[in-house]
Amino acid sequence: MREELGLAVDELLKGKLSPGRNYEQLTNMPGVYSVRLSGSYRFVFGVTADVADPIAVGPHDQAYADALRRYRHRRN
């Protein structure tokens, strides 16, 4: 997954994500986005003031749960 994460980050920086990456903003978490690394792995990151902050990398459900936990923690 490390190599796939590197490829996804390169694509993000170039602004040219392949369609299979399924780039999306996560529901109920403004400024938090997800990119598919594989069929089951996701890279979740936040964007504020044009700065990206990695939040989680892992299996779909775990990455989203970690992102939600960190998102709630940042807001408190």
Protein backbone atom coordinates (compact mmCIF):
# COMPACT_ATOMS: atom_id res chain seq x y z
CA MET A 1 0.00 0.00 0.00
CA ARG A 2 2.93 2.33 0.54
CA GLU A 3 3.66 2.41 -3.18
CA GLU A 4 -0.01 2.90 -4.03
CA LEU A 5 -0.23 5.75 -1.50
CA GLY A 6 2.76 7.41 -3.16
CA LEU A 7 1.12 7.12 -6.57
CA ALA A 8 -2.15 8.58 -5.25
CA VAL A 9 -0.38 11.52 -3.60
CA ASP A 10 1.52 12.21 -6.83
CA GLU A 11 -1.77 12.18 -8.74
CA LEU A 12 -3.35 14.55 -6.20
CA LEU A 13 -0.44 16.97 -6.45
CA LYS A 14 -0.66 16.96 -10.23
CA GLY A 15 -4.44 17.40 -10.09
CA LYS A 16 -4.91 14.36 -12.31
CA LEU A 17 -6.48 11.52 -10.33
CA SER A 18 -7.41 8.46 -12.29
CA PRO A 19 -11.18 7.75 -12.27
CA GLY A 20 -10.70 4.56 -10.24
CA ARG A 21 -9.41 6.56 -7.28
CA ASN A 22 -12.97 7.51 -6.30
CA TYR A 23 -11.97 10.88 -4.82
CA GLU A 24 -14.79 12.15 -2.59
CA GLN A 25 -15.57 14.43 0.32
CA LEU A 26 -16.70 12.47 3.34
CA THR A 27 -20.27 13.02 4.50
CA ASN A 28 -20.65 15.21 7.61
CA MET A 29 -16.94 16.06 7.67
CA PRO A 30 -16.37 19.30 5.73
CA GLY A 31 -12.84 19.53 4.37
CA VAL A 32 -12.16 15.79 4.75
CA TYR A 33 -11.62 13.71 1.62
CA SER A 34 -10.98 10.10 0.70
CA VAL A 35 -9.05 8.50 -2.15
CA ARG A 36 -9.18 4.79 -3.03
CA LEU A 37 -5.81 3.04 -2.92
CA SER A 38 -7.17 -0.44 -3.67
CA GLY A 39 -10.47 -2.27 -3.53
CA SER A 40 -10.47 -2.09 0.26
CA TYR A 41 -7.85 0.52 1.30
CA ARG A 42 -8.40 4.27 1.57
CA PHE A 43 -6.29 7.38 2.15
CA VAL A 44 -8.18 10.01 4.13
CA PHE A 45 -6.93 13.59 4.45
CA GLY A 46 -8.15 17.01 5.49
CA VAL A 47 -7.68 20.26 3.60
CA THR A 48 -7.62 23.67 5.27
CA ALA A 49 -6.27 26.86 3.75
CA ASP A 50 -4.77 24.91 0.80
CA VAL A 51 -2.81 22.62 3.14
CA ALA A 52 -3.44 18.87 3.15
CA ASP A 53 -3.22 16.97 6.44
CA PRO A 54 -3.05 13.17 6.27
CA ILE A 55 -5.58 11.64 8.65
CA ALA A 56 -5.72 7.90 8.02
CA VAL A 57 -4.61 5.11 5.69
CA GLY A 58 -6.09 1.67 6.01
CA PRO A 59 -8.96 -0.65 5.28
CA HIS A 60 -12.12 1.25 4.26
CA ASP A 61 -14.12 1.01 7.50
CA GLN A 62 -11.11 1.49 9.77
CA ALA A 63 -9.81 4.52 7.83
CA TYR A 64 -13.24 6.18 7.92
CA ALA A 65 -13.69 5.44 11.65
CA ASP A 66 -10.21 6.87 12.38
CA ALA A 67 -11.02 9.94 10.29
CA LEU A 68 -14.30 10.52 12.13
CA ARG A 69 -12.59 10.15 15.52
CA ARG A 70 -9.81 12.60 14.57
CA TYR A 71 -12.30 15.01 13.00
CA ARG A 72 -14.38 15.10 16.20
CA HIS A 73 -11.22 15.52 18.30
CA ARG A 74 -10.04 18.50 16.18
CA ARG A 75 -13.39 20.24 16.60
CA ASN A 76 -13.38 20.00 20.43
